[in-house]
């Protein structure tokens, strides 16, 4: 379970890219996932965040703190 809350950017994908939505985590470079709906993309990116953090730890890399963004 991820205790830290990272901001997630959700954007629609073009039909050429398969449609649906892309969820990316700007604080974690390369951390992203997709889904057929914005909600699915958000659920899927939670797994990507966990995997990103686990891999960073395994490689001995620092894990960025979540940035603070205005609501």
C-alpha atoms as a PDB file:
ATOM      1  CA  UNK A   1       0.000   0.000   0.000  1.00  0.00           C
ATOM      2  CA  UNK A   2       1.289   3.429  -0.940  1.00  0.00           C
ATOM      3  CA  UNK A   3       1.214   5.766   2.041  1.00  0.00           C
ATOM      4  CA  UNK A   4       2.282   8.802   0.057  1.00  0.00           C
ATOM      5  CA  UNK A   5      -0.207  10.544  -2.177  1.00  0.00           C
ATOM      6  CA  UNK A   6       1.158  11.581  -5.560  1.00  0.00           C
ATOM      7  CA  UNK A   7      -0.651  13.940  -7.932  1.00  0.00           C
ATOM      8  CA  UNK A   8      -1.895  12.121 -11.034  1.00  0.00           C
ATOM      9  CA  UNK A   9      -2.495  13.704 -14.439  1.00  0.00           C
ATOM     10  CA  UNK A  10      -5.270  12.062 -16.477  1.00  0.00           C
ATOM     11  CA  UNK A  11      -5.522  12.798 -20.186  1.00  0.00           C
ATOM     12  CA  UNK A  12      -7.623  11.310 -22.979  1.00  0.00           C
ATOM     13  CA  UNK A  13      -5.799   9.174 -25.522  1.00  0.00           C
ATOM     14  CA  UNK A  14      -6.427   9.694 -29.217  1.00  0.00           C
ATOM     15  CA  UNK A  15      -8.157   6.975 -31.217  1.00  0.00           C
ATOM     16  CA  UNK A  16      -4.799   6.401 -32.938  1.00  0.00           C
ATOM     17  CA  UNK A  17      -3.299   5.622 -29.518  1.00  0.00           C
ATOM     18  CA  UNK A  18      -6.098   3.171 -28.732  1.00  0.00           C
ATOM     19  CA  UNK A  19      -8.539   5.544 -27.023  1.00  0.00           C
ATOM     20  CA  UNK A  20      -9.264   5.565 -23.318  1.00  0.00           C
ATOM     21  CA  UNK A  21      -7.263   7.582 -20.832  1.00  0.00           C
ATOM     22  CA  UNK A  22      -3.637   7.881 -19.751  1.00  0.00           C
ATOM     23  CA  UNK A  23      -2.784   8.442 -16.089  1.00  0.00           C
ATOM     24  CA  UNK A  24       0.731   9.697 -15.397  1.00  0.00           C
ATOM     25  CA  UNK A  25       2.549  10.633 -12.201  1.00  0.00           C
ATOM     26  CA  UNK A  26       4.720  13.714 -12.851  1.00  0.00           C
ATOM     27  CA  UNK A  27       6.683  13.229  -9.606  1.00  0.00           C
ATOM     28  CA  UNK A  28       7.745   9.703 -10.672  1.00  0.00           C
ATOM     29  CA  UNK A  29       9.334   9.878 -14.145  1.00  0.00           C
ATOM     30  CA  UNK A  30       7.990   7.216 -16.474  1.00  0.00           C
ATOM     31  CA  UNK A  31       5.256   6.121 -14.060  1.00  0.00           C
ATOM     32  CA  UNK A  32       2.021   5.777 -16.006  1.00  0.00           C
ATOM     33  CA  UNK A  33      -0.858   3.491 -16.854  1.00  0.00           C
ATOM     34  CA  UNK A  34      -4.034   3.616 -18.893  1.00  0.00           C
ATOM     35  CA  UNK A  35      -7.658   2.563 -18.756  1.00  0.00           C
ATOM     36  CA  UNK A  36     -10.910   2.746 -20.649  1.00  0.00           C
ATOM     37  CA  UNK A  37     -12.273   5.394 -18.288  1.00  0.00           C
ATOM     38  CA  UNK A  38     -10.595   8.050 -16.138  1.00  0.00           C
ATOM     39  CA  UNK A  39     -11.524   6.012 -13.054  1.00  0.00           C
ATOM     40  CA  UNK A  40      -9.964   2.835 -14.485  1.00  0.00           C
ATOM     41  CA  UNK A  41      -6.790   4.707 -15.438  1.00  0.00           C
ATOM     42  CA  UNK A  42      -6.557   6.100 -11.885  1.00  0.00           C
ATOM     43  CA  UNK A  43      -7.031   2.637 -10.342  1.00  0.00           C
ATOM     44  CA  UNK A  44      -4.433   1.145 -12.687  1.00  0.00           C
ATOM     45  CA  UNK A  45      -1.841   3.823 -12.018  1.00  0.00           C
ATOM     46  CA  UNK A  46      -1.940   2.998  -8.298  1.00  0.00           C
ATOM     47  CA  UNK A  47      -0.320  -0.360  -9.138  1.00  0.00           C
ATOM     48  CA  UNK A  48       2.233   1.431 -11.314  1.00  0.00           C
ATOM     49  CA  UNK A  49       3.120   3.736  -8.392  1.00  0.00           C
ATOM     50  CA  UNK A  50       3.711   0.749  -6.098  1.00  0.00           C
ATOM     51  CA  UNK A  51       5.871  -0.969  -8.726  1.00  0.00           C
ATOM     52  CA  UNK A  52       7.814   2.243  -9.441  1.00  0.00           C
ATOM     53  CA  UNK A  53       8.615   2.693  -5.755  1.00  0.00           C
ATOM     54  CA  UNK A  54       9.564  -0.979  -5.289  1.00  0.00           C
ATOM     55  CA  UNK A  55      11.922  -0.851  -8.282  1.00  0.00           C
ATOM     56  CA  UNK A  56      13.491   2.424  -7.110  1.00  0.00           C
ATOM     57  CA  UNK A  57      14.138   0.888  -3.687  1.00  0.00           C
ATOM     58  CA  UNK A  58      15.624  -2.254  -5.255  1.00  0.00           C
ATOM     59  CA  UNK A  59      17.993  -0.071  -7.297  1.00  0.00           C
ATOM     60  CA  UNK A  60      18.937   2.042  -4.273  1.00  0.00           C
ATOM     61  CA  UNK A  61      17.418   5.193  -5.748  1.00  0.00           C
ATOM     62  CA  UNK A  62      15.762   7.974  -3.809  1.00  0.00           C
ATOM     63  CA  UNK A  63      11.980   8.070  -3.849  1.00  0.00           C
ATOM     64  CA  UNK A  64      10.672  11.574  -4.503  1.00  0.00           C
ATOM     65  CA  UNK A  65       8.224  13.047  -2.047  1.00  0.00           C
ATOM     66  CA  UNK A  66       4.881  14.015  -3.528  1.00  0.00           C
ATOM     67  CA  UNK A  67       4.822  17.572  -4.762  1.00  0.00           C
ATOM     68  CA  UNK A  68       2.351  19.953  -3.293  1.00  0.00           C
ATOM     69  CA  UNK A  69      -0.145  21.241  -5.789  1.00  0.00           C
ATOM     70  CA  UNK A  70      -2.922  23.751  -5.438  1.00  0.00           C
ATOM     71  CA  UNK A  71      -6.371  22.130  -5.447  1.00  0.00           C
END
